[in-house]
């Protein structure tokens, strides 16, 4: 799960339309 989360985060860092609300 940590690995998948990290993948989602890094995709979000370089792609529009996939926000990752880190505070929440």
PDBML (XML) file of the C-alpha atoms, coordinates in Angstrom:
<?xml version="1.0" encoding="UTF-8" ?>
<PDBx:datablock datablockName="MODEL"
   xmlns:PDBx="http://pdbml.pdb.org/schema/pdbx-v50.xsd"
   xmlns:xsi="http://www.w3.org/2001/XMLSchema-instance"
   xsi:schemaLocation="http://pdbml.pdb.org/schema/pdbx-v50.xsd pdbx-v50.xsd">
   <PDBx:atom_siteCategory>
      <PDBx:atom_site id="1">
         <PDBx:B_iso_or_equiv>0.00</PDBx:B_iso_or_equiv>
         <PDBx:Cartn_x>0.000</PDBx:Cartn_x>
         <PDBx:Cartn_y>0.000</PDBx:Cartn_y>
         <PDBx:Cartn_z>0.000</PDBx:Cartn_z>
         <PDBx:auth_asym_id>A</PDBx:auth_asym_id>
         <PDBx:auth_atom_id>CA</PDBx:auth_atom_id>
         <PDBx:auth_comp_id>UNK</PDBx:auth_comp_id>
         <PDBx:auth_seq_id>1</PDBx:auth_seq_id>
         <PDBx:group_PDB>ATOM</PDBx:group_PDB>
         <PDBx:label_alt_id xsi:nil="true" />
         <PDBx:label_asym_id>A</PDBx:label_asym_id>
         <PDBx:label_atom_id>CA</PDBx:label_atom_id>
         <PDBx:label_comp_id>UNK</PDBx:label_comp_id>
         <PDBx:label_entity_id>1</PDBx:label_entity_id>
         <PDBx:label_seq_id>1</PDBx:label_seq_id>
         <PDBx:occupancy>1.00</PDBx:occupancy>
         <PDBx:pdbx_PDB_model_num>1</PDBx:pdbx_PDB_model_num>
         <PDBx:type_symbol>C</PDBx:type_symbol>
      </PDBx:atom_site>
      <PDBx:atom_site id="2">
         <PDBx:B_iso_or_equiv>0.00</PDBx:B_iso_or_equiv>
         <PDBx:Cartn_x>2.875</PDBx:Cartn_x>
         <PDBx:Cartn_y>2.394</PDBx:Cartn_y>
         <PDBx:Cartn_z>0.745</PDBx:Cartn_z>
         <PDBx:auth_asym_id>A</PDBx:auth_asym_id>
         <PDBx:auth_atom_id>CA</PDBx:auth_atom_id>
         <PDBx:auth_comp_id>UNK</PDBx:auth_comp_id>
         <PDBx:auth_seq_id>2</PDBx:auth_seq_id>
         <PDBx:group_PDB>ATOM</PDBx:group_PDB>
         <PDBx:label_alt_id xsi:nil="true" />
         <PDBx:label_asym_id>A</PDBx:label_asym_id>
         <PDBx:label_atom_id>CA</PDBx:label_atom_id>
         <PDBx:label_comp_id>UNK</PDBx:label_comp_id>
         <PDBx:label_entity_id>1</PDBx:label_entity_id>
         <PDBx:label_seq_id>2</PDBx:label_seq_id>
         <PDBx:occupancy>1.00</PDBx:occupancy>
         <PDBx:pdbx_PDB_model_num>1</PDBx:pdbx_PDB_model_num>
         <PDBx:type_symbol>C</PDBx:type_symbol>
      </PDBx:atom_site>
      <PDBx:atom_site id="3">
         <PDBx:B_iso_or_equiv>0.00</PDBx:B_iso_or_equiv>
         <PDBx:Cartn_x>4.404</PDBx:Cartn_x>
         <PDBx:Cartn_y>1.701</PDBx:Cartn_y>
         <PDBx:Cartn_z>-2.662</PDBx:Cartn_z>
         <PDBx:auth_asym_id>A</PDBx:auth_asym_id>
         <PDBx:auth_atom_id>CA</PDBx:auth_atom_id>
         <PDBx:auth_comp_id>UNK</PDBx:auth_comp_id>
         <PDBx:auth_seq_id>3</PDBx:auth_seq_id>
         <PDBx:group_PDB>ATOM</PDBx:group_PDB>
         <PDBx:label_alt_id xsi:nil="true" />
         <PDBx:label_asym_id>A</PDBx:label_asym_id>
         <PDBx:label_atom_id>CA</PDBx:label_atom_id>
         <PDBx:label_comp_id>UNK</PDBx:label_comp_id>
         <PDBx:label_entity_id>1</PDBx:label_entity_id>
         <PDBx:label_seq_id>3</PDBx:label_seq_id>
         <PDBx:occupancy>1.00</PDBx:occupancy>
         <PDBx:pdbx_PDB_model_num>1</PDBx:pdbx_PDB_model_num>
         <PDBx:type_symbol>C</PDBx:type_symbol>
      </PDBx:atom_site>
      <PDBx:atom_site id="4">
         <PDBx:B_iso_or_equiv>0.00</PDBx:B_iso_or_equiv>
         <PDBx:Cartn_x>1.105</PDBx:Cartn_x>
         <PDBx:Cartn_y>2.281</PDBx:Cartn_y>
         <PDBx:Cartn_z>-4.478</PDBx:Cartn_z>
         <PDBx:auth_asym_id>A</PDBx:auth_asym_id>
         <PDBx:auth_atom_id>CA</PDBx:auth_atom_id>
         <PDBx:auth_comp_id>UNK</PDBx:auth_comp_id>
         <PDBx:auth_seq_id>4</PDBx:auth_seq_id>
         <PDBx:group_PDB>ATOM</PDBx:group_PDB>
         <PDBx:label_alt_id xsi:nil="true" />
         <PDBx:label_asym_id>A</PDBx:label_asym_id>
         <PDBx:label_atom_id>CA</PDBx:label_atom_id>
         <PDBx:label_comp_id>UNK</PDBx:label_comp_id>
         <PDBx:label_entity_id>1</PDBx:label_entity_id>
         <PDBx:label_seq_id>4</PDBx:label_seq_id>
         <PDBx:occupancy>1.00</PDBx:occupancy>
         <PDBx:pdbx_PDB_model_num>1</PDBx:pdbx_PDB_model_num>
         <PDBx:type_symbol>C</PDBx:type_symbol>
      </PDBx:atom_site>
      <PDBx:atom_site id="5">
         <PDBx:B_iso_or_equiv>0.00</PDBx:B_iso_or_equiv>
         <PDBx:Cartn_x>0.563</PDBx:Cartn_x>
         <PDBx:Cartn_y>5.504</PDBx:Cartn_y>
         <PDBx:Cartn_z>-2.521</PDBx:Cartn_z>
         <PDBx:auth_asym_id>A</PDBx:auth_asym_id>
         <PDBx:auth_atom_id>CA</PDBx:auth_atom_id>
         <PDBx:auth_comp_id>UNK</PDBx:auth_comp_id>
         <PDBx:auth_seq_id>5</PDBx:auth_seq_id>
         <PDBx:group_PDB>ATOM</PDBx:group_PDB>
         <PDBx:label_alt_id xsi:nil="true" />
         <PDBx:label_asym_id>A</PDBx:label_asym_id>
         <PDBx:label_atom_id>CA</PDBx:label_atom_id>
         <PDBx:label_comp_id>UNK</PDBx:label_comp_id>
         <PDBx:label_entity_id>1</PDBx:label_entity_id>
         <PDBx:label_seq_id>5</PDBx:label_seq_id>
         <PDBx:occupancy>1.00</PDBx:occupancy>
         <PDBx:pdbx_PDB_model_num>1</PDBx:pdbx_PDB_model_num>
         <PDBx:type_symbol>C</PDBx:type_symbol>
      </PDBx:atom_site>
      <PDBx:atom_site id="6">
         <PDBx:B_iso_or_equiv>0.00</PDBx:B_iso_or_equiv>
         <PDBx:Cartn_x>4.043</PDBx:Cartn_x>
         <PDBx:Cartn_y>6.707</PDBx:Cartn_y>
         <PDBx:Cartn_z>-3.477</PDBx:Cartn_z>
         <PDBx:auth_asym_id>A</PDBx:auth_asym_id>
         <PDBx:auth_atom_id>CA</PDBx:auth_atom_id>
         <PDBx:auth_comp_id>UNK</PDBx:auth_comp_id>
         <PDBx:auth_seq_id>6</PDBx:auth_seq_id>
         <PDBx:group_PDB>ATOM</PDBx:group_PDB>
         <PDBx:label_alt_id xsi:nil="true" />
         <PDBx:label_asym_id>A</PDBx:label_asym_id>
         <PDBx:label_atom_id>CA</PDBx:label_atom_id>
         <PDBx:label_comp_id>UNK</PDBx:label_comp_id>
         <PDBx:label_entity_id>1</PDBx:label_entity_id>
         <PDBx:label_seq_id>6</PDBx:label_seq_id>
         <PDBx:occupancy>1.00</PDBx:occupancy>
         <PDBx:pdbx_PDB_model_num>1</PDBx:pdbx_PDB_model_num>
         <PDBx:type_symbol>C</PDBx:type_symbol>
      </PDBx:atom_site>
      <PDBx:atom_site id="7">
         <PDBx:B_iso_or_equiv>0.00</PDBx:B_iso_or_equiv>
         <PDBx:Cartn_x>3.326</PDBx:Cartn_x>
         <PDBx:Cartn_y>5.968</PDBx:Cartn_y>
         <PDBx:Cartn_z>-7.151</PDBx:Cartn_z>
         <PDBx:auth_asym_id>A</PDBx:auth_asym_id>
         <PDBx:auth_atom_id>CA</PDBx:auth_atom_id>
         <PDBx:auth_comp_id>UNK</PDBx:auth_comp_id>
         <PDBx:auth_seq_id>7</PDBx:auth_seq_id>
         <PDBx:group_PDB>ATOM</PDBx:group_PDB>
         <PDBx:label_alt_id xsi:nil="true" />
         <PDBx:label_asym_id>A</PDBx:label_asym_id>
         <PDBx:label_atom_id>CA</PDBx:label_atom_id>
         <PDBx:label_comp_id>UNK</PDBx:label_comp_id>
         <PDBx:label_entity_id>1</PDBx:label_entity_id>
         <PDBx:label_seq_id>7</PDBx:label_seq_id>
         <PDBx:occupancy>1.00</PDBx:occupancy>
         <PDBx:pdbx_PDB_model_num>1</PDBx:pdbx_PDB_model_num>
         <PDBx:type_symbol>C</PDBx:type_symbol>
      </PDBx:atom_site>
      <PDBx:atom_site id="8">
         <PDBx:B_iso_or_equiv>0.00</PDBx:B_iso_or_equiv>
         <PDBx:Cartn_x>0.070</PDBx:Cartn_x>
         <PDBx:Cartn_y>7.934</PDBx:Cartn_y>
         <PDBx:Cartn_z>-7.014</PDBx:Cartn_z>
         <PDBx:auth_asym_id>A</PDBx:auth_asym_id>
         <PDBx:auth_atom_id>CA</PDBx:auth_atom_id>
         <PDBx:auth_comp_id>UNK</PDBx:auth_comp_id>
         <PDBx:auth_seq_id>8</PDBx:auth_seq_id>
         <PDBx:group_PDB>ATOM</PDBx:group_PDB>
         <PDBx:label_alt_id xsi:nil="true" />
         <PDBx:label_asym_id>A</PDBx:label_asym_id>
         <PDBx:label_atom_id>CA</PDBx:label_atom_id>
         <PDBx:label_comp_id>UNK</PDBx:label_comp_id>
         <PDBx:label_entity_id>1</PDBx:label_entity_id>
         <PDBx:label_seq_id>8</PDBx:label_seq_id>
         <PDBx:occupancy>1.00</PDBx:occupancy>
         <PDBx:pdbx_PDB_model_num>1</PDBx:pdbx_PDB_model_num>
         <PDBx:type_symbol>C</PDBx:type_symbol>
      </PDBx:atom_site>
      <PDBx:atom_site id="9">
         <PDBx:B_iso_or_equiv>0.00</PDBx:B_iso_or_equiv>
         <PDBx:Cartn_x>1.848</PDBx:Cartn_x>
         <PDBx:Cartn_y>10.846</PDBx:Cartn_y>
         <PDBx:Cartn_z>-5.327</PDBx:Cartn_z>
         <PDBx:auth_asym_id>A</PDBx:auth_asym_id>
         <PDBx:auth_atom_id>CA</PDBx:auth_atom_id>
         <PDBx:auth_comp_id>UNK</PDBx:auth_comp_id>
         <PDBx:auth_seq_id>9</PDBx:auth_seq_id>
         <PDBx:group_PDB>ATOM</PDBx:group_PDB>
         <PDBx:label_alt_id xsi:nil="true" />
         <PDBx:label_asym_id>A</PDBx:label_asym_id>
         <PDBx:label_atom_id>CA</PDBx:label_atom_id>
         <PDBx:label_comp_id>UNK</PDBx:label_comp_id>
         <PDBx:label_entity_id>1</PDBx:label_entity_id>
         <PDBx:label_seq_id>9</PDBx:label_seq_id>
         <PDBx:occupancy>1.00</PDBx:occupancy>
         <PDBx:pdbx_PDB_model_num>1</PDBx:pdbx_PDB_model_num>
         <PDBx:type_symbol>C</PDBx:type_symbol>
      </PDBx:atom_site>
      <PDBx:atom_site id="10">
         <PDBx:B_iso_or_equiv>0.00</PDBx:B_iso_or_equiv>
         <PDBx:Cartn_x>4.623</PDBx:Cartn_x>
         <PDBx:Cartn_y>11.013</PDBx:Cartn_y>
         <PDBx:Cartn_z>-7.916</PDBx:Cartn_z>
         <PDBx:auth_asym_id>A</PDBx:auth_asym_id>
         <PDBx:auth_atom_id>CA</PDBx:auth_atom_id>
         <PDBx:auth_comp_id>UNK</PDBx:auth_comp_id>
         <PDBx:auth_seq_id>10</PDBx:auth_seq_id>
         <PDBx:group_PDB>ATOM</PDBx:group_PDB>
         <PDBx:label_alt_id xsi:nil="true" />
         <PDBx:label_asym_id>A</PDBx:label_asym_id>
         <PDBx:label_atom_id>CA</PDBx:label_atom_id>
         <PDBx:label_comp_id>UNK</PDBx:label_comp_id>
         <PDBx:label_entity_id>1</PDBx:label_entity_id>
         <PDBx:label_seq_id>10</PDBx:label_seq_id>
         <PDBx:occupancy>1.00</PDBx:occupancy>
         <PDBx:pdbx_PDB_model_num>1</PDBx:pdbx_PDB_model_num>
         <PDBx:type_symbol>C</PDBx:type_symbol>
      </PDBx:atom_site>
      <PDBx:atom_site id="11">
         <PDBx:B_iso_or_equiv>0.00</PDBx:B_iso_or_equiv>
         <PDBx:Cartn_x>2.171</PDBx:Cartn_x>
         <PDBx:Cartn_y>10.778</PDBx:Cartn_y>
         <PDBx:Cartn_z>-10.812</PDBx:Cartn_z>
         <PDBx:auth_asym_id>A</PDBx:auth_asym_id>
         <PDBx:auth_atom_id>CA</PDBx:auth_atom_id>
         <PDBx:auth_comp_id>UNK</PDBx:auth_comp_id>
         <PDBx:auth_seq_id>11</PDBx:auth_seq_id>
         <PDBx:group_PDB>ATOM</PDBx:group_PDB>
         <PDBx:label_alt_id xsi:nil="true" />
         <PDBx:label_asym_id>A</PDBx:label_asym_id>
         <PDBx:label_atom_id>CA</PDBx:label_atom_id>
         <PDBx:label_comp_id>UNK</PDBx:label_comp_id>
         <PDBx:label_entity_id>1</PDBx:label_entity_id>
         <PDBx:label_seq_id>11</PDBx:label_seq_id>
         <PDBx:occupancy>1.00</PDBx:occupancy>
         <PDBx:pdbx_PDB_model_num>1</PDBx:pdbx_PDB_model_num>
         <PDBx:type_symbol>C</PDBx:type_symbol>
      </PDBx:atom_site>
      <PDBx:atom_site id="12">
         <PDBx:B_iso_or_equiv>0.00</PDBx:B_iso_or_equiv>
         <PDBx:Cartn_x>0.247</PDBx:Cartn_x>
         <PDBx:Cartn_y>13.604</PDBx:Cartn_y>
         <PDBx:Cartn_z>-9.184</PDBx:Cartn_z>
         <PDBx:auth_asym_id>A</PDBx:auth_asym_id>
         <PDBx:auth_atom_id>CA</PDBx:auth_atom_id>
         <PDBx:auth_comp_id>UNK</PDBx:auth_comp_id>
         <PDBx:auth_seq_id>12</PDBx:auth_seq_id>
         <PDBx:group_PDB>ATOM</PDBx:group_PDB>
         <PDBx:label_alt_id xsi:nil="true" />
         <PDBx:label_asym_id>A</PDBx:label_asym_id>
         <PDBx:label_atom_id>CA</PDBx:label_atom_id>
         <PDBx:label_comp_id>UNK</PDBx:label_comp_id>
         <PDBx:label_entity_id>1</PDBx:label_entity_id>
         <PDBx:label_seq_id>12</PDBx:label_seq_id>
         <PDBx:occupancy>1.00</PDBx:occupancy>
         <PDBx:pdbx_PDB_model_num>1</PDBx:pdbx_PDB_model_num>
         <PDBx:type_symbol>C</PDBx:type_symbol>
      </PDBx:atom_site>
      <PDBx:atom_site id="13">
         <PDBx:B_iso_or_equiv>0.00</PDBx:B_iso_or_equiv>
         <PDBx:Cartn_x>3.417</PDBx:Cartn_x>
         <PDBx:Cartn_y>15.700</PDBx:Cartn_y>
         <PDBx:Cartn_z>-8.930</PDBx:Cartn_z>
         <PDBx:auth_asym_id>A</PDBx:auth_asym_id>
         <PDBx:auth_atom_id>CA</PDBx:auth_atom_id>
         <PDBx:auth_comp_id>UNK</PDBx:auth_comp_id>
         <PDBx:auth_seq_id>13</PDBx:auth_seq_id>
         <PDBx:group_PDB>ATOM</PDBx:group_PDB>
         <PDBx:label_alt_id xsi:nil="true" />
         <PDBx:label_asym_id>A</PDBx:label_asym_id>
         <PDBx:label_atom_id>CA</PDBx:label_atom_id>
         <PDBx:label_comp_id>UNK</PDBx:label_comp_id>
         <PDBx:label_entity_id>1</PDBx:label_entity_id>
         <PDBx:label_seq_id>13</PDBx:label_seq_id>
         <PDBx:occupancy>1.00</PDBx:occupancy>
         <PDBx:pdbx_PDB_model_num>1</PDBx:pdbx_PDB_model_num>
         <PDBx:type_symbol>C</PDBx:type_symbol>
      </PDBx:atom_site>
      <PDBx:atom_site id="14">
         <PDBx:B_iso_or_equiv>0.00</PDBx:B_iso_or_equiv>
         <PDBx:Cartn_x>3.760</PDBx:Cartn_x>
         <PDBx:Cartn_y>15.683</PDBx:Cartn_y>
         <PDBx:Cartn_z>-12.717</PDBx:Cartn_z>
         <PDBx:auth_asym_id>A</PDBx:auth_asym_id>
         <PDBx:auth_atom_id>CA</PDBx:auth_atom_id>
         <PDBx:auth_comp_id>UNK</PDBx:auth_comp_id>
         <PDBx:auth_seq_id>14</PDBx:auth_seq_id>
         <PDBx:group_PDB>ATOM</PDBx:group_PDB>
         <PDBx:label_alt_id xsi:nil="true" />
         <PDBx:label_asym_id>A</PDBx:label_asym_id>
         <PDBx:label_atom_id>CA</PDBx:label_atom_id>
         <PDBx:label_comp_id>UNK</PDBx:label_comp_id>
         <PDBx:label_entity_id>1</PDBx:label_entity_id>
         <PDBx:label_seq_id>14</PDBx:label_seq_id>
         <PDBx:occupancy>1.00</PDBx:occupancy>
         <PDBx:pdbx_PDB_model_num>1</PDBx:pdbx_PDB_model_num>
         <PDBx:type_symbol>C</PDBx:type_symbol>
      </PDBx:atom_site>
      <PDBx:atom_site id="15">
         <PDBx:B_iso_or_equiv>0.00</PDBx:B_iso_or_equiv>
         <PDBx:Cartn_x>0.180</PDBx:Cartn_x>
         <PDBx:Cartn_y>15.380</PDBx:Cartn_y>
         <PDBx:Cartn_z>-13.950</PDBx:Cartn_z>
         <PDBx:auth_asym_id>A</PDBx:auth_asym_id>
         <PDBx:auth_atom_id>CA</PDBx:auth_atom_id>
         <PDBx:auth_comp_id>UNK</PDBx:auth_comp_id>
         <PDBx:auth_seq_id>15</PDBx:auth_seq_id>
         <PDBx:group_PDB>ATOM</PDBx:group_PDB>
         <PDBx:label_alt_id xsi:nil="true" />
         <PDBx:label_asym_id>A</PDBx:label_asym_id>
         <PDBx:label_atom_id>CA</PDBx:label_atom_id>
         <PDBx:label_comp_id>UNK</PDBx:label_comp_id>
         <PDBx:label_entity_id>1</PDBx:label_entity_id>
         <PDBx:label_seq_id>15</PDBx:label_seq_id>
         <PDBx:occupancy>1.00</PDBx:occupancy>
         <PDBx:pdbx_PDB_model_num>1</PDBx:pdbx_PDB_model_num>
         <PDBx:type_symbol>C</PDBx:type_symbol>
      </PDBx:atom_site>
      <PDBx:atom_site id="16">
         <PDBx:B_iso_or_equiv>0.00</PDBx:B_iso_or_equiv>
         <PDBx:Cartn_x>-2.758</PDBx:Cartn_x>
         <PDBx:Cartn_y>17.730</PDBx:Cartn_y>
         <PDBx:Cartn_z>-13.834</PDBx:Cartn_z>
         <PDBx:auth_asym_id>A</PDBx:auth_asym_id>
         <PDBx:auth_atom_id>CA</PDBx:auth_atom_id>
         <PDBx:auth_comp_id>UNK</PDBx:auth_comp_id>
         <PDBx:auth_seq_id>16</PDBx:auth_seq_id>
         <PDBx:group_PDB>ATOM</PDBx:group_PDB>
         <PDBx:label_alt_id xsi:nil="true" />
         <PDBx:label_asym_id>A</PDBx:label_asym_id>
         <PDBx:label_atom_id>CA</PDBx:label_atom_id>
         <PDBx:label_comp_id>UNK</PDBx:label_comp_id>
         <PDBx:label_entity_id>1</PDBx:label_entity_id>
         <PDBx:label_seq_id>16</PDBx:label_seq_id>
         <PDBx:occupancy>1.00</PDBx:occupancy>
         <PDBx:pdbx_PDB_model_num>1</PDBx:pdbx_PDB_model_num>
         <PDBx:type_symbol>C</PDBx:type_symbol>
      </PDBx:atom_site>
      <PDBx:atom_site id="17">
         <PDBx:B_iso_or_equiv>0.00</PDBx:B_iso_or_equiv>
         <PDBx:Cartn_x>-6.167</PDBx:Cartn_x>
         <PDBx:Cartn_y>16.525</PDBx:Cartn_y>
         <PDBx:Cartn_z>-12.769</PDBx:Cartn_z>
         <PDBx:auth_asym_id>A</PDBx:auth_asym_id>
         <PDBx:auth_atom_id>CA</PDBx:auth_atom_id>
         <PDBx:auth_comp_id>UNK</PDBx:auth_comp_id>
         <PDBx:auth_seq_id>17</PDBx:auth_seq_id>
         <PDBx:group_PDB>ATOM</PDBx:group_PDB>
         <PDBx:label_alt_id xsi:nil="true" />
         <PDBx:label_asym_id>A</PDBx:label_asym_id>
         <PDBx:label_atom_id>CA</PDBx:label_atom_id>
         <PDBx:label_comp_id>UNK</PDBx:label_comp_id>
         <PDBx:label_entity_id>1</PDBx:label_entity_id>
         <PDBx:label_seq_id>17</PDBx:label_seq_id>
         <PDBx:occupancy>1.00</PDBx:occupancy>
         <PDBx:pdbx_PDB_model_num>1</PDBx:pdbx_PDB_model_num>
         <PDBx:type_symbol>C</PDBx:type_symbol>
      </PDBx:atom_site>
      <PDBx:atom_site id="18">
         <PDBx:B_iso_or_equiv>0.00</PDBx:B_iso_or_equiv>
         <PDBx:Cartn_x>-4.963</PDBx:Cartn_x>
         <PDBx:Cartn_y>14.178</PDBx:Cartn_y>
         <PDBx:Cartn_z>-10.019</PDBx:Cartn_z>
         <PDBx:auth_asym_id>A</PDBx:auth_asym_id>
         <PDBx:auth_atom_id>CA</PDBx:auth_atom_id>
         <PDBx:auth_comp_id>UNK</PDBx:auth_comp_id>
         <PDBx:auth_seq_id>18</PDBx:auth_seq_id>
         <PDBx:group_PDB>ATOM</PDBx:group_PDB>
         <PDBx:label_alt_id xsi:nil="true" />
         <PDBx:label_asym_id>A</PDBx:label_asym_id>
         <PDBx:label_atom_id>CA</PDBx:label_atom_id>
         <PDBx:label_comp_id>UNK</PDBx:label_comp_id>
         <PDBx:label_entity_id>1</PDBx:label_entity_id>
         <PDBx:label_seq_id>18</PDBx:label_seq_id>
         <PDBx:occupancy>1.00</PDBx:occupancy>
         <PDBx:pdbx_PDB_model_num>1</PDBx:pdbx_PDB_model_num>
         <PDBx:type_symbol>C</PDBx:type_symbol>
      </PDBx:atom_site>
      <PDBx:atom_site id="19">
         <PDBx:B_iso_or_equiv>0.00</PDBx:B_iso_or_equiv>
         <PDBx:Cartn_x>-4.630</PDBx:Cartn_x>
         <PDBx:Cartn_y>16.278</PDBx:Cartn_y>
         <PDBx:Cartn_z>-6.869</PDBx:Cartn_z>
         <PDBx:auth_asym_id>A</PDBx:auth_asym_id>
         <PDBx:auth_atom_id>CA</PDBx:auth_atom_id>
         <PDBx:auth_comp_id>UNK</PDBx:auth_comp_id>
         <PDBx:auth_seq_id>19</PDBx:auth_seq_id>
         <PDBx:group_PDB>ATOM</PDBx:group_PDB>
         <PDBx:label_alt_id xsi:nil="true" />
         <PDBx:label_asym_id>A</PDBx:label_asym_id>
         <PDBx:label_atom_id>CA</PDBx:label_atom_id>
         <PDBx:label_comp_id>UNK</PDBx:label_comp_id>
         <PDBx:label_entity_id>1</PDBx:label_entity_id>
         <PDBx:label_seq_id>19</PDBx:label_seq_id>
         <PDBx:occupancy>1.00</PDBx:occupancy>
         <PDBx:pdbx_PDB_model_num>1</PDBx:pdbx_PDB_model_num>
         <PDBx:type_symbol>C</PDBx:type_symbol>
      </PDBx:atom_site>
      <PDBx:atom_site id="20">
         <PDBx:B_iso_or_equiv>0.00</PDBx:B_iso_or_equiv>
         <PDBx:Cartn_x>-3.320</PDBx:Cartn_x>
         <PDBx:Cartn_y>14.745</PDBx:Cartn_y>
         <PDBx:Cartn_z>-3.661</PDBx:Cartn_z>
         <PDBx:auth_asym_id>A</PDBx:auth_asym_id>
         <PDBx:auth_atom_id>CA</PDBx:auth_atom_id>
         <PDBx:auth_comp_id>UNK</PDBx:auth_comp_id>
         <PDBx:auth_seq_id>20</PDBx:auth_seq_id>
         <PDBx:group_PDB>ATOM</PDBx:group_PDB>
         <PDBx:label_alt_id xsi:nil="true" />
         <PDBx:label_asym_id>A</PDBx:label_asym_id>
         <PDBx:label_atom_id>CA</PDBx:label_atom_id>
         <PDBx:label_comp_id>UNK</PDBx:label_comp_id>
         <PDBx:label_entity_id>1</PDBx:label_entity_id>
         <PDBx:label_seq_id>20</PDBx:label_seq_id>
         <PDBx:occupancy>1.00</PDBx:occupancy>
         <PDBx:pdbx_PDB_model_num>1</PDBx:pdbx_PDB_model_num>
         <PDBx:type_symbol>C</PDBx:type_symbol>
      </PDBx:atom_site>
      <PDBx:atom_site id="21">
         <PDBx:B_iso_or_equiv>0.00</PDBx:B_iso_or_equiv>
         <PDBx:Cartn_x>-4.626</PDBx:Cartn_x>
         <PDBx:Cartn_y>16.756</PDBx:Cartn_y>
         <PDBx:Cartn_z>-0.679</PDBx:Cartn_z>
         <PDBx:auth_asym_id>A</PDBx:auth_asym_id>
         <PDBx:auth_atom_id>CA</PDBx:auth_atom_id>
         <PDBx:auth_comp_id>UNK</PDBx:auth_comp_id>
         <PDBx:auth_seq_id>21</PDBx:auth_seq_id>
         <PDBx:group_PDB>ATOM</PDBx:group_PDB>
         <PDBx:label_alt_id xsi:nil="true" />
         <PDBx:label_asym_id>A</PDBx:label_asym_id>
         <PDBx:label_atom_id>CA</PDBx:label_atom_id>
         <PDBx:label_comp_id>UNK</PDBx:label_comp_id>
         <PDBx:label_entity_id>1</PDBx:label_entity_id>
         <PDBx:label_seq_id>21</PDBx:label_seq_id>
         <PDBx:occupancy>1.00</PDBx:occupancy>
         <PDBx:pdbx_PDB_model_num>1</PDBx:pdbx_PDB_model_num>
         <PDBx:type_symbol>C</PDBx:type_symbol>
      </PDBx:atom_site>
      <PDBx:atom_site id="22">
         <PDBx:B_iso_or_equiv>0.00</PDBx:B_iso_or_equiv>
         <PDBx:Cartn_x>-1.770</PDBx:Cartn_x>
         <PDBx:Cartn_y>16.105</PDBx:Cartn_y>
         <PDBx:Cartn_z>1.730</PDBx:Cartn_z>
         <PDBx:auth_asym_id>A</PDBx:auth_asym_id>
         <PDBx:auth_atom_id>CA</PDBx:auth_atom_id>
         <PDBx:auth_comp_id>UNK</PDBx:auth_comp_id>
         <PDBx:auth_seq_id>22</PDBx:auth_seq_id>
         <PDBx:group_PDB>ATOM</PDBx:group_PDB>
         <PDBx:label_alt_id xsi:nil="true" />
         <PDBx:label_asym_id>A</PDBx:label_asym_id>
         <PDBx:label_atom_id>CA</PDBx:label_atom_id>
         <PDBx:label_comp_id>UNK</PDBx:label_comp_id>
         <PDBx:label_entity_id>1</PDBx:label_entity_id>
         <PDBx:label_seq_id>22</PDBx:label_seq_id>
         <PDBx:occupancy>1.00</PDBx:occupancy>
         <PDBx:pdbx_PDB_model_num>1</PDBx:pdbx_PDB_model_num>
         <PDBx:type_symbol>C</PDBx:type_symbol>
      </PDBx:atom_site>
      <PDBx:atom_site id="23">
         <PDBx:B_iso_or_equiv>0.00</PDBx:B_iso_or_equiv>
         <PDBx:Cartn_x>-3.231</PDBx:Cartn_x>
         <PDBx:Cartn_y>17.963</PDBx:Cartn_y>
         <PDBx:Cartn_z>4.692</PDBx:Cartn_z>
         <PDBx:auth_asym_id>A</PDBx:auth_asym_id>
         <PDBx:auth_atom_id>CA</PDBx:auth_atom_id>
         <PDBx:auth_comp_id>UNK</PDBx:auth_comp_id>
         <PDBx:auth_seq_id>23</PDBx:auth_seq_id>
         <PDBx:group_PDB>ATOM</PDBx:group_PDB>
         <PDBx:label_alt_id xsi:nil="true" />
         <PDBx:label_asym_id>A</PDBx:label_asym_id>
         <PDBx:label_atom_id>CA</PDBx:label_atom_id>
         <PDBx:label_comp_id>UNK</PDBx:label_comp_id>
         <PDBx:label_entity_id>1</PDBx:label_entity_id>
         <PDBx:label_seq_id>23</PDBx:label_seq_id>
         <PDBx:occupancy>1.00</PDBx:occupancy>
         <PDBx:pdbx_PDB_model_num>1</PDBx:pdbx_PDB_model_num>
         <PDBx:type_symbol>C</PDBx:type_symbol>
      </PDBx:atom_site>
      <PDBx:atom_site id="24">
         <PDBx:B_iso_or_equiv>0.00</PDBx:B_iso_or_equiv>
         <PDBx:Cartn_x>-6.347</PDBx:Cartn_x>
         <PDBx:Cartn_y>15.786</PDBx:Cartn_y>
         <PDBx:Cartn_z>4.671</PDBx:Cartn_z>
         <PDBx:auth_asym_id>A</PDBx:auth_asym_id>
         <PDBx:auth_atom_id>CA</PDBx:auth_atom_id>
         <PDBx:auth_comp_id>UNK</PDBx:auth_comp_id>
         <PDBx:auth_seq_id>24</PDBx:auth_seq_id>
         <PDBx:group_PDB>ATOM</PDBx:group_PDB>
         <PDBx:label_alt_id xsi:nil="true" />
         <PDBx:label_asym_id>A</PDBx:label_asym_id>
         <PDBx:label_atom_id>CA</PDBx:label_atom_id>
         <PDBx:label_comp_id>UNK</PDBx:label_comp_id>
         <PDBx:label_entity_id>1</PDBx:label_entity_id>
         <PDBx:label_seq_id>24</PDBx:label_seq_id>
         <PDBx:occupancy>1.00</PDBx:occupancy>
         <PDBx:pdbx_PDB_model_num>1</PDBx:pdbx_PDB_model_num>
         <PDBx:type_symbol>C</PDBx:type_symbol>
      </PDBx:atom_site>
   </PDBx:atom_siteCategory>
</PDBx:datablock>
